[in-house]
């Protein structure tokens, strides 16, 4: 059995939560047999091991598909995360706008 440190377990949990326990491969919405994949390899980038921007949720099938080609897929995964972050920022900005409109409406 593989040992996972508490820090590593927390990293996995946080990646899964951020990605809504869903494979992030475009068009795949699997929610089972998930892996928290290190975009930059664990062995090659020890300083990024617990960096949340260096992880993405993949189902077993997609994780297996990229085996031994991880470096080639890194830009693809970083783009997925960037798009996800942009959507989250837009949503937060819209929420602020809605809150502001609600405040103005209440003052009338």
PDB file of N, CA and C in Angstrom:
ATOM      1  N   UNK A   1       0.843  -1.192   0.000  1.00  0.00           N
ATOM      2  CA  UNK A   1       0.000   0.000   0.000  1.00  0.00           C
ATOM      3  C   UNK A   1       0.886   1.253   0.000  1.00  0.00           C
ATOM      4  N   UNK A   2       0.469   2.237  -0.746  1.00  0.00           N
ATOM      5  CA  UNK A   2       1.206   3.482  -0.873  1.00  0.00           C
ATOM      6  C   UNK A   2       0.903   4.396   0.312  1.00  0.00           C
ATOM      7  N   UNK A   3       1.928   5.046   0.832  1.00  0.00           N
ATOM      8  CA  UNK A   3       1.744   5.989   1.933  1.00  0.00           C
ATOM      9  C   UNK A   3       1.560   7.401   1.382  1.00  0.00           C
ATOM     10  N   UNK A   4       0.533   8.071   1.859  1.00  0.00           N
ATOM     11  CA  UNK A   4       0.296   9.462   1.502  1.00  0.00           C
ATOM     12  C   UNK A   4       0.407  10.304   2.761  1.00  0.00           C
ATOM     13  N   UNK A   5       1.270  11.300   2.727  1.00  0.00           N
ATOM     14  CA  UNK A   5       1.416  12.201   3.869  1.00  0.00           C
ATOM     15  C   UNK A   5       0.132  13.003   4.034  1.00  0.00           C
ATOM     16  N   UNK A   6      -0.099  13.541   5.228  1.00  0.00           N
ATOM     17  CA  UNK A   6      -1.286  14.389   5.428  1.00  0.00           C
ATOM     18  C   UNK A   6      -1.318  15.571   4.452  1.00  0.00           C
ATOM     19  N   UNK A   7      -0.149  16.142   4.164  1.00  0.00           N
ATOM     20  CA  UNK A   7      -0.078  17.271   3.235  1.00  0.00           C
ATOM     21  C   UNK A   7      -0.504  16.842   1.826  1.00  0.00           C
ATOM     22  N   UNK A   8      -0.060  15.670   1.411  1.00  0.00           N
ATOM     23  CA  UNK A   8      -0.412  15.162   0.086  1.00  0.00           C
ATOM     24  C   UNK A   8      -1.905  14.823   0.017  1.00  0.00           C
ATOM     25  N   UNK A   9      -2.433  14.214   1.059  1.00  0.00           N
ATOM     26  CA  UNK A   9      -3.872  13.910   1.103  1.00  0.00           C
ATOM     27  C   UNK A   9      -4.701  15.186   0.994  1.00  0.00           C
ATOM     28  N   UNK A  10      -4.256  16.242   1.674  1.00  0.00           N
ATOM     29  CA  UNK A  10      -4.970  17.521   1.621  1.00  0.00           C
ATOM     30  C   UNK A  10      -4.903  18.112   0.219  1.00  0.00           C
ATOM     31  N   UNK A  11      -3.754  18.009  -0.429  1.00  0.00           N
ATOM     32  CA  UNK A  11      -3.598  18.503  -1.796  1.00  0.00           C
ATOM     33  C   UNK A  11      -4.583  17.784  -2.719  1.00  0.00           C
ATOM     34  N   UNK A  12      -4.647  16.465  -2.623  1.00  0.00           N
ATOM     35  CA  UNK A  12      -5.570  15.681  -3.451  1.00  0.00           C
ATOM     36  C   UNK A  12      -7.007  16.123  -3.205  1.00  0.00           C
ATOM     37  N   UNK A  13      -7.381  16.219  -1.946  1.00  0.00           N
ATOM     38  CA  UNK A  13      -8.751  16.603  -1.578  1.00  0.00           C
ATOM     39  C   UNK A  13      -9.099  17.982  -2.145  1.00  0.00           C
ATOM     40  N   UNK A  14      -8.169  18.914  -2.042  1.00  0.00           N
ATOM     41  CA  UNK A  14      -8.419  20.276  -2.516  1.00  0.00           C
ATOM     42  C   UNK A  14      -8.538  20.320  -4.038  1.00  0.00           C
ATOM     43  N   UNK A  15      -7.705  19.558  -4.748  1.00  0.00           N
ATOM     44  CA  UNK A  15      -7.796  19.490  -6.212  1.00  0.00           C
ATOM     45  C   UNK A  15      -9.159  18.924  -6.607  1.00  0.00           C
ATOM     46  N   UNK A  16      -9.567  17.833  -5.983  1.00  0.00           N
ATOM     47  CA  UNK A  16     -10.871  17.228  -6.300  1.00  0.00           C
ATOM     48  C   UNK A  16     -12.013  18.205  -6.032  1.00  0.00           C
ATOM     49  N   UNK A  17     -11.959  18.898  -4.899  1.00  0.00           N
ATOM     50  CA  UNK A  17     -13.024  19.852  -4.563  1.00  0.00           C
ATOM     51  C   UNK A  17     -13.070  20.993  -5.577  1.00  0.00           C
ATOM     52  N   UNK A  18     -11.920  21.553  -5.900  1.00  0.00           N
ATOM     53  CA  UNK A  18     -11.872  22.654  -6.872  1.00  0.00           C
ATOM     54  C   UNK A  18     -12.475  22.231  -8.209  1.00  0.00           C
ATOM     55  N   UNK A  19     -12.206  20.982  -8.601  1.00  0.00           N
ATOM     56  CA  UNK A  19     -12.667  20.473  -9.889  1.00  0.00           C
ATOM     57  C   UNK A  19     -14.023  19.770  -9.796  1.00  0.00           C
ATOM     58  N   UNK A  20     -14.700  19.974  -8.667  1.00  0.00           N
ATOM     59  CA  UNK A  20     -16.050  19.437  -8.467  1.00  0.00           C
ATOM     60  C   UNK A  20     -16.099  17.915  -8.627  1.00  0.00           C
ATOM     61  N   UNK A  21     -15.040  17.250  -8.194  1.00  0.00           N
ATOM     62  CA  UNK A  21     -14.961  15.785  -8.232  1.00  0.00           C
ATOM     63  C   UNK A  21     -15.328  15.244  -9.610  1.00  0.00           C
ATOM     64  N   UNK A  22     -14.800  15.925 -10.659  1.00  0.00           N
ATOM     65  CA  UNK A  22     -15.125  15.594 -12.050  1.00  0.00           C
ATOM     66  C   UNK A  22     -13.855  15.645 -12.888  1.00  0.00           C
ATOM     67  N   UNK A  23     -13.709  14.674 -13.784  1.00  0.00           N
ATOM     68  CA  UNK A  23     -12.587  14.689 -14.718  1.00  0.00           C
ATOM     69  C   UNK A  23     -12.637  15.984 -15.527  1.00  0.00           C
ATOM     70  N   UNK A  24     -11.496  16.651 -15.645  1.00  0.00           N
ATOM     71  CA  UNK A  24     -11.429  17.946 -16.333  1.00  0.00           C
ATOM     72  C   UNK A  24     -11.100  17.840 -17.820  1.00  0.00           C
ATOM     73  N   UNK A  25     -10.941  16.614 -18.317  1.00  0.00           N
ATOM     74  CA  UNK A  25     -10.703  16.438 -19.745  1.00  0.00           C
ATOM     75  C   UNK A  25     -11.936  16.933 -20.489  1.00  0.00           C
ATOM     76  N   UNK A  26     -11.767  17.786 -21.489  1.00  0.00           N
ATOM     77  CA  UNK A  26     -12.932  18.323 -22.210  1.00  0.00           C
ATOM     78  C   UNK A  26     -13.847  17.216 -22.731  1.00  0.00           C
ATOM     79  N   UNK A  27     -15.113  17.348 -22.417  1.00  0.00           N
ATOM     80  CA  UNK A  27     -16.114  16.386 -22.869  1.00  0.00           C
ATOM     81  C   UNK A  27     -16.290  15.190 -21.949  1.00  0.00           C
ATOM     82  N   UNK A  28     -15.423  15.035 -20.974  1.00  0.00           N
ATOM     83  CA  UNK A  28     -15.528  13.917 -20.030  1.00  0.00           C
ATOM     84  C   UNK A  28     -16.079  14.459 -18.718  1.00  0.00           C
ATOM     85  N   UNK A  29     -17.088  13.845 -18.221  1.00  0.00           N
ATOM     86  CA  UNK A  29     -17.674  14.288 -16.959  1.00  0.00           C
ATOM     87  C   UNK A  29     -17.695  13.176 -15.919  1.00  0.00           C
ATOM     88  N   UNK A  30     -16.757  12.250 -16.048  1.00  0.00           N
ATOM     89  CA  UNK A  30     -16.713  11.127 -15.104  1.00  0.00           C
ATOM     90  C   UNK A  30     -16.433  11.632 -13.701  1.00  0.00           C
ATOM     91  N   UNK A  31     -17.102  10.989 -12.752  1.00  0.00           N
ATOM     92  CA  UNK A  31     -16.960  11.364 -11.353  1.00  0.00           C
ATOM     93  C   UNK A  31     -16.463  10.196 -10.507  1.00  0.00           C
ATOM     94  N   UNK A  32     -15.960   9.148 -11.165  1.00  0.00           N
ATOM     95  CA  UNK A  32     -15.442   8.004 -10.424  1.00  0.00           C
ATOM     96  C   UNK A  32     -14.066   7.629 -10.948  1.00  0.00           C
ATOM     97  N   UNK A  33     -13.344   6.877 -10.145  1.00  0.00           N
ATOM     98  CA  UNK A  33     -11.975   6.457 -10.475  1.00  0.00           C
ATOM     99  C   UNK A  33     -11.128   7.656 -10.871  1.00  0.00           C
ATOM    100  N   UNK A  34     -11.112   8.653  -9.978  1.00  0.00           N
ATOM    101  CA  UNK A  34     -10.413   9.909 -10.256  1.00  0.00           C
ATOM    102  C   UNK A  34      -8.986   9.902  -9.737  1.00  0.00           C
ATOM    103  N   UNK A  35      -8.132  10.654 -10.410  1.00  0.00           N
ATOM    104  CA  UNK A  35      -6.746  10.871 -10.015  1.00  0.00           C
ATOM    105  C   UNK A  35      -6.497  12.367  -9.939  1.00  0.00           C
ATOM    106  N   UNK A  36      -5.758  12.776  -8.916  1.00  0.00           N
ATOM    107  CA  UNK A  36      -5.264  14.155  -8.858  1.00  0.00           C
ATOM    108  C   UNK A  36      -3.902  14.116  -9.543  1.00  0.00           C
ATOM    109  N   UNK A  37      -3.859  14.632 -10.744  1.00  0.00           N
ATOM    110  CA  UNK A  37      -2.667  14.545 -11.581  1.00  0.00           C
ATOM    111  C   UNK A  37      -1.773  15.760 -11.388  1.00  0.00           C
ATOM    112  N   UNK A  38      -0.462  15.522 -11.190  1.00  0.00           N
ATOM    113  CA  UNK A  38       0.516  16.606 -11.154  1.00  0.00           C
ATOM    114  C   UNK A  38       0.850  16.984 -12.587  1.00  0.00           C
ATOM    115  N   UNK A  39       0.590  18.208 -12.953  1.00  0.00           N
ATOM    116  CA  UNK A  39       0.840  18.662 -14.328  1.00  0.00           C
ATOM    117  C   UNK A  39       2.350  18.646 -14.606  1.00  0.00           C
ATOM    118  N   UNK A  40       3.115  19.279 -13.726  1.00  0.00           N
ATOM    119  CA  UNK A  40       4.569  19.139 -13.773  1.00  0.00           C
ATOM    120  C   UNK A  40       4.909  17.991 -12.833  1.00  0.00           C
ATOM    121  N   UNK A  41       5.642  17.020 -13.327  1.00  0.00           N
ATOM    122  CA  UNK A  41       5.852  15.753 -12.626  1.00  0.00           C
ATOM    123  C   UNK A  41       6.374  15.912 -11.191  1.00  0.00           C
ATOM    124  N   UNK A  42       5.819  15.084 -10.319  1.00  0.00           N
ATOM    125  CA  UNK A  42       6.186  15.020  -8.909  1.00  0.00           C
ATOM    126  C   UNK A  42       7.699  14.881  -8.754  1.00  0.00           C
ATOM    127  N   UNK A  43       8.289  13.966  -9.512  1.00  0.00           N
ATOM    128  CA  UNK A  43       9.714  13.669  -9.367  1.00  0.00           C
ATOM    129  C   UNK A  43      10.610  14.788  -9.906  1.00  0.00           C
ATOM    130  N   UNK A  44      10.159  15.499 -10.911  1.00  0.00           N
ATOM    131  CA  UNK A  44      10.985  16.529 -11.542  1.00  0.00           C
ATOM    132  C   UNK A  44      10.824  17.920 -10.932  1.00  0.00           C
ATOM    133  N   UNK A  45       9.722  18.153 -10.256  1.00  0.00           N
ATOM    134  CA  UNK A  45       9.423  19.485  -9.710  1.00  0.00           C
ATOM    135  C   UNK A  45       8.997  19.391  -8.239  1.00  0.00           C
ATOM    136  N   UNK A  46       9.934  19.028  -7.347  1.00  0.00           N
ATOM    137  CA  UNK A  46       9.554  18.865  -5.938  1.00  0.00           C
ATOM    138  C   UNK A  46       8.977  20.132  -5.311  1.00  0.00           C
ATOM    139  N   UNK A  47       9.367  21.297  -5.792  1.00  0.00           N
ATOM    140  CA  UNK A  47       8.847  22.550  -5.249  1.00  0.00           C
ATOM    141  C   UNK A  47       7.394  22.817  -5.602  1.00  0.00           C
ATOM    142  N   UNK A  48       6.872  22.081  -6.586  1.00  0.00           N
ATOM    143  CA  UNK A  48       5.481  22.274  -7.017  1.00  0.00           C
ATOM    144  C   UNK A  48       4.553  21.140  -6.558  1.00  0.00           C
ATOM    145  N   UNK A  49       5.057  20.242  -5.743  1.00  0.00           N
ATOM    146  CA  UNK A  49       4.291  19.053  -5.366  1.00  0.00           C
ATOM    147  C   UNK A  49       2.936  19.381  -4.739  1.00  0.00           C
ATOM    148  N   UNK A  50       2.882  20.416  -3.943  1.00  0.00           N
ATOM    149  CA  UNK A  50       1.632  20.744  -3.244  1.00  0.00           C
ATOM    150  C   UNK A  50       1.031  22.057  -3.735  1.00  0.00           C
ATOM    151  N   UNK A  51       1.502  22.530  -4.869  1.00  0.00           N
ATOM    152  CA  UNK A  51       0.963  23.743  -5.461  1.00  0.00           C
ATOM    153  C   UNK A  51      -0.353  23.394  -6.165  1.00  0.00           C
ATOM    154  N   UNK A  52      -1.418  24.071  -5.792  1.00  0.00           N
ATOM    155  CA  UNK A  52      -2.737  23.761  -6.353  1.00  0.00           C
ATOM    156  C   UNK A  52      -2.835  24.066  -7.839  1.00  0.00           C
ATOM    157  N   UNK A  53      -1.996  24.976  -8.318  1.00  0.00           N
ATOM    158  CA  UNK A  53      -1.993  25.286  -9.751  1.00  0.00           C
ATOM    159  C   UNK A  53      -1.225  24.250 -10.563  1.00  0.00           C
ATOM    160  N   UNK A  54      -0.671  23.262  -9.889  1.00  0.00           N
ATOM    161  CA  UNK A  54       0.054  22.191 -10.561  1.00  0.00           C
ATOM    162  C   UNK A  54      -0.725  20.878 -10.496  1.00  0.00           C
ATOM    163  N   UNK A  55      -2.010  20.958 -10.277  1.00  0.00           N
ATOM    164  CA  UNK A  55      -2.823  19.745 -10.200  1.00  0.00           C
ATOM    165  C   UNK A  55      -4.114  19.881 -10.972  1.00  0.00           C
ATOM    166  N   UNK A  56      -4.583  18.752 -11.475  1.00  0.00           N
ATOM    167  CA  UNK A  56      -5.851  18.713 -12.208  1.00  0.00           C
ATOM    168  C   UNK A  56      -6.466  17.332 -12.009  1.00  0.00           C
ATOM    169  N   UNK A  57      -7.780  17.271 -11.945  1.00  0.00           N
ATOM    170  CA  UNK A  57      -8.482  16.011 -11.769  1.00  0.00           C
ATOM    171  C   UNK A  57      -8.702  15.332 -13.106  1.00  0.00           C
ATOM    172  N   UNK A  58      -8.269  14.082 -13.178  1.00  0.00           N
ATOM    173  CA  UNK A  58      -8.474  13.261 -14.379  1.00  0.00           C
ATOM    174  C   UNK A  58      -9.056  11.916 -13.963  1.00  0.00           C
ATOM    175  N   UNK A  59      -9.918  11.369 -14.798  1.00  0.00           N
ATOM    176  CA  UNK A  59     -10.404  10.014 -14.558  1.00  0.00           C
ATOM    177  C   UNK A  59      -9.271   9.040 -14.894  1.00  0.00           C
ATOM    178  N   UNK A  60      -9.399   7.817 -14.450  1.00  0.00           N
ATOM    179  CA  UNK A  60      -8.350   6.819 -14.677  1.00  0.00           C
ATOM    180  C   UNK A  60      -8.042   6.662 -16.163  1.00  0.00           C
ATOM    181  N   UNK A  61      -9.061   6.647 -16.990  1.00  0.00           N
ATOM    182  CA  UNK A  61      -8.854   6.467 -18.433  1.00  0.00           C
ATOM    183  C   UNK A  61      -7.955   7.567 -19.006  1.00  0.00           C
ATOM    184  N   UNK A  62      -8.286   8.824 -18.719  1.00  0.00           N
ATOM    185  CA  UNK A  62      -7.495   9.926 -19.267  1.00  0.00           C
ATOM    186  C   UNK A  62      -6.118  10.002 -18.606  1.00  0.00           C
ATOM    187  N   UNK A  63      -6.047   9.678 -17.343  1.00  0.00           N
ATOM    188  CA  UNK A  63      -4.752   9.658 -16.664  1.00  0.00           C
ATOM    189  C   UNK A  63      -3.852   8.596 -17.294  1.00  0.00           C
ATOM    190  N   UNK A  64      -4.412   7.431 -17.573  1.00  0.00           N
ATOM    191  CA  UNK A  64      -3.643   6.360 -18.225  1.00  0.00           C
ATOM    192  C   UNK A  64      -3.256   6.740 -19.654  1.00  0.00           C
ATOM    193  N   UNK A  65      -4.143   7.443 -20.350  1.00  0.00           N
ATOM    194  CA  UNK A  65      -3.881   7.831 -21.750  1.00  0.00           C
ATOM    195  C   UNK A  65      -2.667   8.745 -21.905  1.00  0.00           C
ATOM    196  N   UNK A  66      -2.375   9.543 -20.891  1.00  0.00           N
ATOM    197  CA  UNK A  66      -1.269  10.499 -21.019  1.00  0.00           C
ATOM    198  C   UNK A  66       0.036   9.971 -20.430  1.00  0.00           C
ATOM    199  N   UNK A  67      -0.002   8.772 -19.899  1.00  0.00           N
ATOM    200  CA  UNK A  67       1.200   8.193 -19.277  1.00  0.00           C
ATOM    201  C   UNK A  67       2.385   8.256 -20.244  1.00  0.00           C
ATOM    202  N   UNK A  68       3.519   8.691 -19.724  1.00  0.00           N
ATOM    203  CA  UNK A  68       4.765   8.859 -20.470  1.00  0.00           C
ATOM    204  C   UNK A  68       4.706   9.998 -21.496  1.00  0.00           C
ATOM    205  N   UNK A  69       3.636  10.790 -21.475  1.00  0.00           N
ATOM    206  CA  UNK A  69       3.520  11.960 -22.350  1.00  0.00           C
ATOM    207  C   UNK A  69       3.120  13.192 -21.551  1.00  0.00           C
ATOM    208  N   UNK A  70       3.345  13.130 -20.240  1.00  0.00           N
ATOM    209  CA  UNK A  70       2.892  14.185 -19.334  1.00  0.00           C
ATOM    210  C   UNK A  70       3.413  15.569 -19.733  1.00  0.00           C
ATOM    211  N   UNK A  71       4.677  15.626 -20.102  1.00  0.00           N
ATOM    212  CA  UNK A  71       5.278  16.913 -20.442  1.00  0.00           C
ATOM    213  C   UNK A  71       4.593  17.552 -21.647  1.00  0.00           C
ATOM    214  N   UNK A  72       4.222  16.740 -22.621  1.00  0.00           N
ATOM    215  CA  UNK A  72       3.556  17.254 -23.821  1.00  0.00           C
ATOM    216  C   UNK A  72       2.164  17.791 -23.501  1.00  0.00           C
ATOM    217  N   UNK A  73       1.520  17.241 -22.476  1.00  0.00           N
ATOM    218  CA  UNK A  73       0.161  17.661 -22.120  1.00  0.00           C
ATOM    219  C   UNK A  73       0.122  18.832 -21.143  1.00  0.00           C
ATOM    220  N   UNK A  74       1.250  19.202 -20.561  1.00  0.00           N
ATOM    221  CA  UNK A  74       1.269  20.275 -19.556  1.00  0.00           C
ATOM    222  C   UNK A  74       0.626  21.568 -20.061  1.00  0.00           C
ATOM    223  N   UNK A  75       0.974  22.084 -21.250  1.00  0.00           N
ATOM    224  CA  UNK A  75       0.332  23.322 -21.716  1.00  0.00           C
ATOM    225  C   UNK A  75      -1.189  23.184 -21.856  1.00  0.00           C
ATOM    226  N   UNK A  76      -1.638  22.029 -22.289  1.00  0.00           N
ATOM    227  CA  UNK A  76      -3.064  21.738 -22.438  1.00  0.00           C
ATOM    228  C   UNK A  76      -3.768  21.842 -21.083  1.00  0.00           C
ATOM    229  N   UNK A  77      -3.181  21.233 -20.049  1.00  0.00           N
ATOM    230  CA  UNK A  77      -3.794  21.258 -18.725  1.00  0.00           C
ATOM    231  C   UNK A  77      -3.748  22.654 -18.111  1.00  0.00           C
ATOM    232  N   UNK A  78      -2.644  23.371 -18.315  1.00  0.00           N
ATOM    233  CA  UNK A  78      -2.579  24.738 -17.788  1.00  0.00           C
ATOM    234  C   UNK A  78      -3.621  25.632 -18.463  1.00  0.00           C
ATOM    235  N   UNK A  79      -3.889  25.401 -19.727  1.00  0.00           N
ATOM    236  CA  UNK A  79      -4.921  26.170 -20.435  1.00  0.00           C
ATOM    237  C   UNK A  79      -6.309  25.859 -19.857  1.00  0.00           C
ATOM    238  N   UNK A  80      -6.567  24.594 -19.560  1.00  0.00           N
ATOM    239  CA  UNK A  80      -7.846  24.209 -18.942  1.00  0.00           C
ATOM    240  C   UNK A  80      -8.011  24.949 -17.613  1.00  0.00           C
ATOM    241  N   UNK A  81      -6.959  24.960 -16.800  1.00  0.00           N
ATOM    242  CA  UNK A  81      -7.034  25.644 -15.505  1.00  0.00           C
ATOM    243  C   UNK A  81      -7.199  27.149 -15.670  1.00  0.00           C
ATOM    244  N   UNK A  82      -6.507  27.719 -16.644  1.00  0.00           N
ATOM    245  CA  UNK A  82      -6.632  29.167 -16.880  1.00  0.00           C
ATOM    246  C   UNK A  82      -8.059  29.521 -17.281  1.00  0.00           C
ATOM    247  N   UNK A  83      -8.654  28.726 -18.161  1.00  0.00           N
ATOM    248  CA  UNK A  83     -10.040  28.969 -18.571  1.00  0.00           C
ATOM    249  C   UNK A  83     -10.983  28.827 -17.390  1.00  0.00           C
ATOM    250  N   UNK A  84     -10.731  27.852 -16.548  1.00  0.00           N
ATOM    251  CA  UNK A  84     -11.555  27.631 -15.360  1.00  0.00           C
ATOM    252  C   UNK A  84     -11.439  28.833 -14.423  1.00  0.00           C
ATOM    253  N   UNK A  85     -10.218  29.324 -14.222  1.00  0.00           N
ATOM    254  CA  UNK A  85     -10.009  30.490 -13.356  1.00  0.00           C
ATOM    255  C   UNK A  85     -10.686  31.731 -13.915  1.00  0.00           C
ATOM    256  N   UNK A  86     -10.631  31.921 -15.226  1.00  0.00           N
ATOM    257  CA  UNK A  86     -11.293  33.076 -15.853  1.00  0.00           C
ATOM    258  C   UNK A  86     -12.798  33.010 -15.655  1.00  0.00           C
ATOM    259  N   UNK A  87     -13.380  31.821 -15.804  1.00  0.00           N
ATOM    260  CA  UNK A  87     -14.828  31.665 -15.589  1.00  0.00           C
ATOM    261  C   UNK A  87     -15.184  31.964 -14.146  1.00  0.00           C
ATOM    262  N   UNK A  88     -14.362  31.493 -13.206  1.00  0.00           N
ATOM    263  CA  UNK A  88     -14.627  31.748 -11.790  1.00  0.00           C
ATOM    264  C   UNK A  88     -14.532  33.233 -11.475  1.00  0.00           C
ATOM    265  N   UNK A  89     -13.559  33.918 -12.064  1.00  0.00           N
ATOM    266  CA  UNK A  89     -13.430  35.360 -11.838  1.00  0.00           C
ATOM    267  C   UNK A  89     -14.622  36.115 -12.396  1.00  0.00           C
ATOM    268  N   UNK A  90     -15.072  35.740 -13.587  1.00  0.00           N
ATOM    269  CA  UNK A  90     -16.238  36.401 -14.181  1.00  0.00           C
ATOM    270  C   UNK A  90     -17.463  36.185 -13.306  1.00  0.00           C
ATOM    271  N   UNK A  91     -17.626  34.981 -12.788  1.00  0.00           N
ATOM    272  CA  UNK A  91     -18.758  34.683 -11.912  1.00  0.00           C
ATOM    273  C   UNK A  91     -18.723  35.516 -10.656  1.00  0.00           C
ATOM    274  N   UNK A  92     -17.545  35.678 -10.077  1.00  0.00           N
ATOM    275  CA  UNK A  92     -17.406  36.487  -8.866  1.00  0.00           C
ATOM    276  C   UNK A  92     -17.692  37.946  -9.158  1.00  0.00           C
ATOM    277  N   UNK A  93     -17.223  38.444 -10.301  1.00  0.00           N
ATOM    278  CA  UNK A  93     -17.505  39.830 -10.671  1.00  0.00           C
ATOM    279  C   UNK A  93     -18.991  40.040 -10.888  1.00  0.00           C
ATOM    280  N   UNK A  94     -19.662  39.075 -11.503  1.00  0.00           N
ATOM    281  CA  UNK A  94     -21.108  39.183 -11.701  1.00  0.00           C
ATOM    282  C   UNK A  94     -21.831  39.157 -10.372  1.00  0.00           C
ATOM    283  N   UNK A  95     -21.362  38.340  -9.431  1.00  0.00           N
ATOM    284  CA  UNK A  95     -21.989  38.292  -8.112  1.00  0.00           C
ATOM    285  C   UNK A  95     -21.867  39.637  -7.422  1.00  0.00           C
ATOM    286  N   UNK A  96     -20.707  40.278  -7.547  1.00  0.00           N
ATOM    287  CA  UNK A  96     -20.523  41.591  -6.931  1.00  0.00           C
ATOM    288  C   UNK A  96     -21.466  42.603  -7.557  1.00  0.00           C
ATOM    289  N   UNK A  97     -21.606  42.534  -8.866  1.00  0.00           N
ATOM    290  CA  UNK A  97     -22.515  43.443  -9.554  1.00  0.00           C
ATOM    291  C   UNK A  97     -23.944  43.241  -9.108  1.00  0.00           C
ATOM    292  N   UNK A  98     -24.345  42.003  -8.949  1.00  0.00           N
ATOM    293  CA  UNK A  98     -25.699  41.707  -8.479  1.00  0.00           C
ATOM    294  C   UNK A  98     -25.894  42.223  -7.065  1.00  0.00           C
ATOM    295  N   UNK A  99     -24.884  42.083  -6.217  1.00  0.00           N
ATOM    296  CA  UNK A  99     -24.980  42.568  -4.845  1.00  0.00           C
ATOM    297  C   UNK A  99     -25.127  44.085  -4.838  1.00  0.00           C
ATOM    298  N   UNK A 100     -24.354  44.751  -5.679  1.00  0.00           N
ATOM    299  CA  UNK A 100     -24.416  46.207  -5.745  1.00  0.00           C
ATOM    300  C   UNK A 100     -25.797  46.667  -6.230  1.00  0.00           C
ATOM    301  N   UNK A 101     -26.337  45.997  -7.251  1.00  0.00           N
ATOM    302  CA  UNK A 101     -27.672  46.356  -7.745  1.00  0.00           C
ATOM    303  C   UNK A 101     -28.724  46.135  -6.657  1.00  0.00           C
ATOM    304  N   UNK A 102     -28.560  45.053  -5.893  1.00  0.00           N
ATOM    305  CA  UNK A 102     -29.504  44.763  -4.812  1.00  0.00           C
ATOM    306  C   UNK A 102     -29.451  45.860  -3.767  1.00  0.00           C
ATOM    307  N   UNK A 103     -28.254  46.308  -3.415  1.00  0.00           N
ATOM    308  CA  UNK A 103     -28.107  47.381  -2.434  1.00  0.00           C
ATOM    309  C   UNK A 103     -28.789  48.639  -2.929  1.00  0.00           C
ATOM    310  N   UNK A 104     -28.573  48.998  -4.201  1.00  0.00           N
ATOM    311  CA  UNK A 104     -29.178  50.216  -4.745  1.00  0.00           C
ATOM    312  C   UNK A 104     -30.690  50.108  -4.759  1.00  0.00           C
ATOM    313  N   UNK A 105     -31.201  48.906  -5.074  1.00  0.00           N
ATOM    314  CA  UNK A 105     -32.644  48.700  -5.122  1.00  0.00           C
ATOM    315  C   UNK A 105     -33.234  48.870  -3.725  1.00  0.00           C
ATOM    316  N   UNK A 106     -32.573  48.371  -2.734  1.00  0.00           N
ATOM    317  CA  UNK A 106     -33.065  48.450  -1.349  1.00  0.00           C
ATOM    318  C   UNK A 106     -33.110  49.884  -0.850  1.00  0.00           C
ATOM    319  N   UNK A 107     -32.213  50.731  -1.332  1.00  0.00           N
ATOM    320  CA  UNK A 107     -32.153  52.124  -0.866  1.00  0.00           C
ATOM    321  C   UNK A 107     -33.331  52.947  -1.361  1.00  0.00           C
ATOM    322  N   UNK A 108     -33.925  52.538  -2.453  1.00  0.00           N
ATOM    323  CA  UNK A 108     -35.010  53.331  -3.055  1.00  0.00           C
ATOM    324  C   UNK A 108     -36.249  53.320  -2.223  1.00  0.00           C
TER     325      UNK A 108
END
